[in-house]
Each structure stands twice: as C-alpha cells, then as structure tokens.
Amino acid sequence: MESVDVIVIGAGVVGLACARALAEAGRDVLIVEREDCFGSGISARNSEVIHAGLYYPPGSLKARLCVEGRQRLYTYCEQRGVAHARCGKLVVASRSSQLDALQAIAERARRNGVDDLRLLDHAEVAGLEPALDAHAALLSPSTGIVDSHGLMLALLGDAERHSAMLALGSPVTGGSADGDGVVLEVGGETPMTLRARWVINAAGLDAVALGGAIRSAASAQAPQAHFARGVYFSYSGKAPFSRLIYPIPEPGGLGVHLTLDLGGQAKFGPDVEWIERPDYHVDPARAARFAAAIRNWWPALDAERLQPGYAGVRPKIVGPGEADADFRIDGPDRHGVAGLIHLYGIESPGLTASLAIGAQVAELVSG
C-alpha cells in the first residue's frame, strides 16, 4: 500500500484552492478527481460571481470566508493575471414594500464588514442603469465576475509548482480512518489503495456520500444531502446593463438575477428547483417564469431572446422550507477522527470563498 501525506478529493475550485494552500505550506499533496478533467462539476456550472458578502448571517463561516475570500480573490487574480472585473451590482427593490428587506440586507452586510454599500433612490438608479425599473436599490461596488476556468488553471499551476499531483479518472469508492491515518480505495483504470496522513473531502455534490463511504466515527455526523437545481437562460443580443442586477433574495437562492460574462454577454438565473439527484436538464418552458420575474425590474425585456443555457446543482445540507445552512468544515476538532476533514454544503459563495477555505483547511492540517 502506497502512503501519501495529503489527499484532496475533488478538483473543483475549492479542492484546488485547498491543494494549493497545502502544497505551498510544504505538504506533499495528491489530488484525486473522479472525472477526466478538473473543474467539471459545480465549478463549471455557476454564475462566476465574486460576491461581496451581503446576505449571510453575521458570524457565520459563509459571511467570514466570503468577505475574506473576496479580498484574497481580487488580489490573487491581479497577481496571476486571471481575467476578472469589479463591475458592481445592484440589489433591487421593485416596490416600496421591499424597502425593509433592502435595509435588512444593508444592515447584515455592514455587520459582515461590507462597508462600501450605497442606498440609491429611483432617480439615482435610473442615472446608473436607465433600463432598470426600481423603487430603490443597493449598489455593491465590490461585487464582480471572474473567469472560473482561468482561476482553476492558476490554482492548479500553483499547486503543481509546489509538487502537488493531479490524478484524473480516479473515483474514491470507499475507505476507512484509524489512528494511523486514512485509507482510501481508489478506482479507475488502475484501482489502488492509498494511505494518507490527511484526507480532505472536497467532493462537492458527492461530499456527503463520501462522508459515509469513508468509514469512521465521523460518518455518524455527516449531514443529509439535498440537491437544488438552478437553470440559466442566455440572452441573445446585448442587454442594456453594465452591472449585475439582483432582486430581493428568495428561499433557497438569490432570485433570478442578471449576470454578465467578461465579454458583456448577459445571462439570467438561477432559479430554484429541488430534485432527488443531480440532473442538468434545462426545460425551455421555464423561460416564461423567468420572463415574468425579470419584468419586475426590466419591463422592456424581449422574452423571445431568452435561450436555454445550462443548469447547476447546489449541494444543500438542508431541505425545502428550512433556513439555509452554513458551510461545514468538519475536522478532528469537530468529529474526533485524526487526519480527516469533510467540506459539506459548500455552495454559493464557495467560489468567492475558495482561497479563504483553502487557507483554513491548511491551518487545520498544520495543527
């Protein structure tokens, strides 16, 4: 049986950020990925938004790691030449009855350390985005967008420069933890059994299942997995906005919003649909619901230009009707099993928080 210092399961943006942080700290790192390429799961099916930290409960991991991660991410992208834009966003109150909700977001953001928000009235909103119909809005200058694939390439490059290795087509099928480390059974063309001093479960949608498959006392503390699909519709032609446009959040997500890619192309989404298992189907008929939601703040929308785009699935650890759960970074201090760290419920703002998550995992490993 071969022995490894650290195995990171999952080569999405969070797994790669963890691998980079650990490798730069002097650890010998092996990244194992089930698919035949990195970043093909959650990391390839999101809005690519750099969140400012407006929505999350003060004191939560989501709030702290989002704000810290956003600062780290902008610096990292500038240093590594990763394409990004600090384009800003508007959170829109379409009617006066939503002003209290808008004020609540502003207060929560302030408590999270976001100190650059501006509350705009109707005239000020119209001056920034003439096509937007809003009673009022919050301007978040720190919100941005990033090339997620370019970011993952940079993270992987950093990890590999510090001797980390990536094994593709290597699904973890099981394992166990004992006092001497963690043993993993890895499938693929050449199945093998590996022993590691540390295993970081950053498997995204499969993290909860792996939490049970790696047999240990920590298995009993694994949450229940739930899946929420969100679909996106692209917009043919140019939309008349230069910033991201968000409505007041809805249960399970942030509402159907407009984001822009780095070329200025608009897309709308995601919505929220609870499903039994990951499924990336996009029903073109959902365009009618999208159009109705978008017209609350863009009455001039040409619905004929909405085209089915893609779908993403959020790895929820709470079900429909329950308050959103915080990130869970379950290390030995929580479950008592040496050498094992499970990352559960790493949904939005996981991309924004990725570098901060990696740094926290490296701190846990360093003791």
Protein backbone atom coordinates (compact mmCIF):
# COMPACT_ATOMS: atom_id res chain seq x y z
CA MET A 1 0.00 0.00 0.00
CA GLU A 2 1.39 3.38 -1.03
CA SER A 3 1.46 6.19 1.50
CA VAL A 4 0.78 9.88 0.80
CA ASP A 5 0.99 12.89 3.06
CA VAL A 6 -2.28 14.59 1.96
CA ILE A 7 -5.01 13.52 -0.45
CA VAL A 8 -7.53 16.10 -1.63
CA ILE A 9 -10.68 14.52 -3.08
CA GLY A 10 -12.17 16.72 -5.78
CA ALA A 11 -10.54 19.03 -8.33
CA GLY A 12 -13.10 21.81 -8.37
CA VAL A 13 -12.21 25.35 -7.37
CA VAL A 14 -12.43 24.59 -3.63
CA GLY A 15 -10.41 21.38 -3.85
CA LEU A 16 -7.76 23.08 -5.96
CA ALA A 17 -7.60 26.02 -3.54
CA CYS A 18 -7.08 23.58 -0.67
CA ALA A 19 -4.40 21.69 -2.62
CA ARG A 20 -2.59 24.93 -3.44
CA ALA A 21 -2.61 26.13 0.17
CA LEU A 22 -1.39 22.77 1.47
CA ALA A 23 1.31 22.38 -1.18
CA GLU A 24 2.59 25.90 -0.57
CA ALA A 25 2.74 25.04 3.15
CA GLY A 26 5.19 22.24 2.30
CA ARG A 27 2.83 19.27 2.23
CA ASP A 28 3.09 16.51 -0.38
CA VAL A 29 -0.34 16.61 -2.00
CA LEU A 30 -2.21 14.25 -4.31
CA ILE A 31 -5.49 15.47 -5.82
CA VAL A 32 -7.84 12.69 -6.91
CA GLU A 33 -10.68 13.54 -9.27
CA ARG A 34 -13.41 11.20 -10.49
CA GLU A 35 -13.88 12.90 -13.88
CA ASP A 36 -11.37 13.02 -16.73
CA CYS A 37 -10.84 16.77 -16.33
CA PHE A 38 -10.73 19.19 -13.44
CA GLY A 39 -13.49 21.65 -12.55
CA SER A 40 -16.32 19.97 -14.46
CA GLY A 41 -18.89 19.88 -11.64
CA ILE A 42 -20.22 22.77 -9.55
CA SER A 43 -17.25 24.92 -10.56
CA ALA A 44 -18.27 24.78 -14.24
CA ARG A 45 -21.96 25.49 -13.65
CA ASN A 46 -22.35 28.70 -11.69
CA SER A 47 -22.66 32.45 -12.19
CA GLU A 48 -18.89 33.13 -11.84
CA VAL A 49 -19.75 35.98 -9.47
CA ILE A 50 -17.34 37.34 -6.88
CA HIS A 51 -19.74 38.05 -4.02
CA ALA A 52 -19.22 40.94 -1.62
CA GLY A 53 -20.75 39.22 1.44
CA LEU A 54 -24.18 40.83 1.72
CA TYR A 55 -26.53 38.01 2.54
CA TYR A 56 -25.00 35.65 5.07
CA PRO A 57 -25.70 35.60 8.83
CA PRO A 58 -23.12 37.67 10.73
CA GLY A 59 -20.61 35.42 12.45
CA SER A 60 -21.23 32.51 10.07
CA LEU A 61 -18.50 30.78 8.11
CA LYS A 62 -20.20 31.89 4.92
CA ALA A 63 -20.01 35.53 5.96
CA ARG A 64 -16.45 35.44 7.24
CA LEU A 65 -14.98 33.32 4.46
CA CYS A 66 -16.84 35.23 1.73
CA VAL A 67 -15.52 38.62 2.85
CA GLU A 68 -12.01 37.29 3.42
CA GLY A 69 -12.13 35.21 0.25
CA ARG A 70 -13.31 38.11 -1.88
CA GLN A 71 -10.34 40.21 -0.80
CA ARG A 72 -7.94 37.31 -1.37
CA LEU A 73 -9.50 36.54 -4.76
CA TYR A 74 -9.20 40.04 -6.20
CA THR A 75 -5.56 40.19 -5.12
CA TYR A 76 -4.84 36.72 -6.49
CA CYS A 77 -6.46 37.45 -9.86
CA GLU A 78 -4.45 40.67 -10.20
CA GLN A 79 -1.19 38.92 -9.31
CA ARG A 80 -1.78 35.88 -11.53
CA GLY A 81 -3.41 37.64 -14.46
CA VAL A 82 -6.72 35.80 -14.07
CA ALA A 83 -9.43 37.58 -16.05
CA HIS A 84 -11.94 39.32 -13.80
CA ALA A 85 -13.90 42.56 -13.48
CA ARG A 86 -15.04 44.53 -10.44
CA CYS A 87 -18.24 45.52 -12.24
CA GLY A 88 -20.50 46.06 -9.21
CA LYS A 89 -24.11 45.04 -8.75
CA LEU A 90 -27.47 46.49 -7.83
CA VAL A 91 -29.84 44.71 -5.43
CA VAL A 92 -33.25 45.96 -6.47
CA ALA A 93 -36.39 46.81 -4.52
CA SER A 94 -39.03 46.81 -7.25
CA ARG A 95 -41.68 48.35 -4.98
CA SER A 96 -41.83 50.28 -1.74
CA SER A 97 -42.95 47.23 0.24
CA GLN A 98 -39.47 45.73 -0.32
CA LEU A 99 -37.60 48.63 1.27
CA ASP A 100 -37.46 46.95 4.68
CA ALA A 101 -35.91 43.86 3.10
CA LEU A 102 -33.37 46.04 1.31
CA GLN A 103 -32.48 47.82 4.54
CA ALA A 104 -32.11 44.46 6.28
CA ILE A 105 -29.61 43.33 3.63
CA ALA A 106 -27.67 46.56 4.07
CA GLU A 107 -27.52 46.12 7.86
CA ARG A 108 -26.48 42.49 7.59
CA ALA A 109 -23.77 43.40 5.09
CA ARG A 110 -22.48 46.14 7.40
CA ARG A 111 -22.22 43.65 10.27
CA ASN A 112 -20.29 41.34 7.93
CA GLY A 113 -17.71 44.04 7.29
CA VAL A 114 -19.00 45.21 3.91
CA ASP A 115 -18.62 48.98 4.25
CA ASP A 116 -18.98 50.29 0.70
CA LEU A 117 -22.71 49.85 0.00
CA ARG A 118 -24.81 52.81 -1.15
CA LEU A 119 -28.60 53.03 -0.96
CA LEU A 120 -29.92 54.64 -4.16
CA ASP A 121 -33.33 56.12 -4.83
CA HIS A 122 -35.26 55.75 -8.08
CA ALA A 123 -33.57 58.70 -9.77
CA GLU A 124 -30.08 57.60 -8.80
CA VAL A 125 -30.76 54.07 -10.07
CA ALA A 126 -32.04 55.46 -13.38
CA GLY A 127 -28.88 57.54 -13.69
CA LEU A 128 -26.73 54.40 -13.45
CA GLU A 129 -28.92 51.93 -15.34
CA PRO A 130 -31.62 53.71 -17.39
CA ALA A 131 -33.33 50.46 -18.44
CA LEU A 132 -33.80 49.34 -14.83
CA ASP A 133 -37.15 49.96 -13.17
CA ALA A 134 -36.54 50.13 -9.41
CA HIS A 135 -38.09 51.94 -6.47
CA ALA A 136 -34.67 51.80 -4.82
CA ALA A 137 -31.52 49.70 -4.91
CA LEU A 138 -28.34 48.88 -3.05
CA LEU A 139 -25.15 49.46 -5.02
CA SER A 140 -22.39 46.97 -4.18
CA PRO A 141 -19.17 48.19 -5.83
CA SER A 142 -17.17 45.18 -4.53
CA THR A 143 -19.17 42.59 -6.43
CA GLY A 144 -17.50 41.29 -9.57
CA ILE A 145 -17.09 38.43 -12.02
CA VAL A 146 -14.22 36.04 -12.69
CA ASP A 147 -13.14 33.53 -15.30
CA SER A 148 -13.61 30.44 -13.14
CA HIS A 149 -11.72 28.15 -15.54
CA GLY A 150 -8.78 30.55 -15.65
CA LEU A 151 -8.86 30.72 -11.86
CA MET A 152 -8.71 26.93 -11.57
CA LEU A 153 -5.86 26.74 -14.08
CA ALA A 154 -3.90 29.20 -11.95
CA LEU A 155 -4.64 27.32 -8.70
CA LEU A 156 -3.64 24.01 -10.24
CA GLY A 157 -0.47 25.54 -11.67
CA ASP A 158 0.49 26.91 -8.25
CA ALA A 159 -0.14 23.55 -6.60
CA GLU A 160 1.85 21.65 -9.22
CA ARG A 161 4.78 24.09 -8.93
CA HIS A 162 4.92 23.03 -5.29
CA SER A 163 4.98 19.34 -6.29
CA ALA A 164 1.26 18.53 -5.98
CA MET A 165 -0.01 15.90 -8.41
CA LEU A 166 -3.41 15.53 -10.05
CA ALA A 167 -4.87 12.07 -10.76
CA LEU A 168 -7.87 12.25 -13.11
CA GLY A 169 -10.32 9.41 -13.67
CA SER A 170 -9.73 8.32 -10.07
CA PRO A 171 -13.01 7.95 -8.16
CA VAL A 172 -12.84 7.27 -4.43
CA THR A 173 -15.03 4.23 -3.82
CA GLY A 174 -14.58 3.85 -0.08
CA GLY A 175 -12.15 3.89 2.75
CA SER A 176 -11.67 3.98 6.49
CA ALA A 177 -9.94 6.03 9.12
CA ASP A 178 -7.93 4.75 12.05
CA GLY A 179 -5.34 6.14 14.41
CA ASP A 180 -2.60 5.83 11.78
CA GLY A 181 -4.32 7.90 9.09
CA VAL A 182 -6.95 7.37 6.41
CA VAL A 183 -7.04 4.53 3.89
CA LEU A 184 -8.80 5.24 0.59
CA GLU A 185 -9.91 2.80 -2.07
CA VAL A 186 -9.49 4.50 -5.44
CA GLY A 187 -11.00 3.11 -8.65
CA GLY A 188 -10.36 3.88 -12.30
CA GLU A 189 -8.26 2.10 -14.89
CA THR A 190 -5.70 1.14 -12.23
CA PRO A 191 -7.50 0.68 -8.91
CA MET A 192 -5.33 1.19 -5.87
CA THR A 193 -5.40 1.53 -2.11
CA LEU A 194 -3.70 4.55 -0.62
CA ARG A 195 -2.94 5.56 2.94
CA ALA A 196 -2.76 9.26 3.78
CA ARG A 197 -1.93 11.20 6.91
CA TRP A 198 -4.66 13.64 5.92
CA VAL A 199 -7.67 13.40 3.59
CA ILE A 200 -9.60 16.49 2.56
CA ASN A 201 -13.07 15.64 1.25
CA ALA A 202 -13.80 18.50 -1.18
CA ALA A 203 -16.02 16.41 -3.45
CA GLY A 204 -18.85 18.94 -3.81
CA LEU A 205 -22.06 17.14 -4.72
CA ASP A 206 -20.54 13.83 -3.58
CA ALA A 207 -19.09 15.10 -0.30
CA VAL A 208 -21.90 13.81 1.91
CA ALA A 209 -21.89 10.38 0.24
CA LEU A 210 -18.13 10.16 0.75
CA GLY A 211 -18.60 11.20 4.35
CA GLY A 212 -20.41 7.90 4.79
CA ALA A 213 -18.22 5.85 2.46
CA ILE A 214 -15.05 6.70 4.40
CA ARG A 215 -15.86 4.63 7.43
CA SER A 216 -15.06 6.28 10.75
CA ALA A 217 -16.69 7.76 13.81
CA ALA A 218 -17.14 10.93 11.72
CA SER A 219 -19.62 9.13 9.44
CA ALA A 220 -22.37 9.47 12.02
CA GLN A 221 -22.03 13.26 11.87
CA ALA A 222 -22.45 13.51 8.10
CA PRO A 223 -25.49 15.63 7.19
CA GLN A 224 -28.23 14.55 4.83
CA ALA A 225 -27.68 15.53 1.21
CA HIS A 226 -30.24 17.60 -0.69
CA PHE A 227 -29.97 18.95 -4.22
CA ALA A 228 -31.36 22.18 -5.64
CA ARG A 229 -31.11 22.70 -9.38
CA GLY A 230 -30.85 26.17 -10.82
CA VAL A 231 -31.13 26.79 -14.55
CA TYR A 232 -29.77 29.67 -16.56
CA PHE A 233 -31.06 31.30 -19.71
CA SER A 234 -28.76 33.22 -22.01
CA TYR A 235 -29.87 36.38 -23.79
CA SER A 236 -29.29 36.77 -27.50
CA GLY A 237 -28.10 40.24 -28.31
CA LYS A 238 -26.80 42.83 -25.88
CA ALA A 239 -28.68 43.64 -22.69
CA PRO A 240 -28.66 47.34 -21.68
CA PHE A 241 -26.88 46.86 -18.35
CA SER A 242 -23.29 47.37 -17.25
CA ARG A 243 -23.72 45.92 -13.74
CA LEU A 244 -25.14 42.75 -12.27
CA ILE A 245 -28.82 43.07 -11.32
CA TYR A 246 -30.25 41.10 -8.39
CA PRO A 247 -33.78 41.07 -6.96
CA ILE A 248 -34.55 40.63 -3.25
CA PRO A 249 -33.45 37.03 -2.36
CA GLU A 250 -35.96 34.18 -2.33
CA PRO A 251 -35.98 30.96 -0.26
CA GLY A 252 -33.16 28.64 -1.38
CA GLY A 253 -31.34 31.17 -3.54
CA LEU A 254 -30.81 34.79 -4.55
CA GLY A 255 -33.64 35.00 -7.07
CA VAL A 256 -33.46 35.15 -10.86
CA HIS A 257 -30.76 37.72 -11.48
CA LEU A 258 -28.77 39.09 -14.38
CA THR A 259 -25.08 38.42 -14.56
CA LEU A 260 -22.60 39.34 -17.26
CA ASP A 261 -19.65 37.42 -18.57
CA LEU A 262 -16.33 39.11 -19.22
CA GLY A 263 -17.40 39.80 -22.78
CA GLY A 264 -20.53 41.64 -21.62
CA GLN A 265 -22.95 38.87 -22.60
CA ALA A 266 -25.96 38.61 -20.28
CA LYS A 267 -27.43 35.51 -18.69
CA PHE A 268 -30.30 35.12 -16.26
CA GLY A 269 -30.64 32.71 -13.38
CA PRO A 270 -30.53 30.59 -11.46
CA ASP A 271 -33.97 29.68 -10.22
CA VAL A 272 -34.51 27.04 -7.51
CA GLU A 273 -35.94 23.56 -8.08
CA TRP A 274 -35.49 20.80 -5.51
CA ILE A 275 -34.57 17.48 -7.12
CA GLU A 276 -33.82 13.96 -5.89
CA ARG A 277 -30.40 13.60 -7.53
CA PRO A 278 -28.10 15.76 -9.69
CA ASP A 279 -29.69 16.39 -13.09
CA TYR A 280 -28.66 19.13 -15.51
CA HIS A 281 -31.71 19.23 -17.75
CA VAL A 282 -32.94 22.68 -18.79
CA ASP A 283 -36.64 22.82 -19.65
CA PRO A 284 -37.17 25.56 -22.29
CA ALA A 285 -40.69 26.06 -20.91
CA ARG A 286 -39.18 27.66 -17.78
CA ALA A 287 -38.44 30.73 -19.89
CA ALA A 288 -41.98 32.01 -19.23
CA ARG A 289 -41.37 32.04 -15.46
CA PHE A 290 -38.02 33.70 -15.97
CA ALA A 291 -39.57 36.41 -18.11
CA ALA A 292 -42.25 37.15 -15.52
CA ALA A 293 -39.61 37.50 -12.77
CA ILE A 294 -37.26 39.63 -14.88
CA ARG A 295 -40.02 42.04 -15.92
CA ASN A 296 -40.40 43.06 -12.28
CA TRP A 297 -37.27 45.13 -12.80
CA TRP A 298 -36.79 45.17 -16.59
CA PRO A 299 -40.23 45.73 -18.13
CA ALA A 300 -38.80 46.07 -21.65
CA LEU A 301 -37.39 42.52 -21.69
CA ASP A 302 -37.81 40.81 -25.06
CA ALA A 303 -38.68 37.30 -23.87
CA GLU A 304 -38.09 35.86 -27.35
CA ARG A 305 -34.39 36.43 -26.80
CA LEU A 306 -34.22 34.11 -23.78
CA GLN A 307 -32.48 30.91 -24.79
CA PRO A 308 -31.90 27.77 -22.66
CA GLY A 309 -28.38 27.93 -21.26
CA TYR A 310 -27.20 25.43 -18.67
CA ALA A 311 -28.05 24.13 -15.21
CA GLY A 312 -26.13 23.87 -11.97
CA VAL A 313 -26.88 21.92 -8.82
CA ARG A 314 -26.29 23.23 -5.29
CA PRO A 315 -25.04 20.71 -2.69
CA LYS A 316 -27.55 21.57 0.03
CA ILE A 317 -27.41 20.07 3.51
CA VAL A 318 -30.90 21.28 4.43
CA GLY A 319 -34.16 20.59 2.63
CA PRO A 320 -37.01 22.72 1.22
CA GLY A 321 -38.52 25.13 3.71
CA GLU A 322 -35.51 25.07 6.05
CA ALA A 323 -33.22 28.00 6.69
CA ASP A 324 -30.04 27.86 4.63
CA ALA A 325 -27.22 26.03 6.37
CA ASP A 326 -23.76 27.40 6.97
CA PHE A 327 -20.64 25.90 5.42
CA ARG A 328 -19.39 22.93 7.39
CA ILE A 329 -15.65 22.36 7.64
CA ASP A 330 -15.64 19.23 9.77
CA GLY A 331 -12.16 18.48 11.07
CA PRO A 332 -10.84 16.47 14.02
CA ASP A 333 -11.86 19.23 16.42
CA ARG A 334 -15.49 18.54 15.48
CA HIS A 335 -15.68 14.78 14.88
CA GLY A 336 -12.63 13.48 16.74
CA VAL A 337 -11.12 11.49 13.84
CA ALA A 338 -7.48 12.33 13.19
CA GLY A 339 -6.45 13.14 9.63
CA LEU A 340 -9.92 13.69 8.16
CA ILE A 341 -11.57 16.93 7.02
CA HIS A 342 -15.00 16.95 5.35
CA LEU A 343 -16.25 20.02 3.47
CA TYR A 344 -20.05 19.90 3.50
CA GLY A 345 -22.59 22.25 1.94
CA ILE A 346 -20.02 24.31 0.04
CA GLU A 347 -22.44 26.07 -2.27
CA SER A 348 -22.54 29.81 -3.05
CA PRO A 349 -20.41 31.74 -2.11
CA GLY A 350 -17.98 28.83 -2.40
CA LEU A 351 -16.14 30.18 -5.44
CA THR A 352 -15.66 33.58 -3.78
CA ALA A 353 -14.59 31.95 -0.52
CA SER A 354 -12.35 29.30 -2.10
CA LEU A 355 -8.98 30.83 -1.20
CA ALA A 356 -10.12 31.52 2.36
CA ILE A 357 -11.45 27.95 2.67
CA GLY A 358 -8.10 26.65 1.43
CA ALA A 359 -6.26 28.74 3.99
CA GLN A 360 -8.49 27.49 6.82
CA VAL A 361 -8.01 23.86 5.78
CA ALA A 362 -4.24 24.36 5.69
CA GLU A 363 -4.40 25.82 9.20
CA LEU A 364 -6.34 22.78 10.44
CA VAL A 365 -3.76 20.43 8.92
CA SER A 366 -0.87 22.39 10.41
CA GLY A 367 -2.41 21.85 13.83
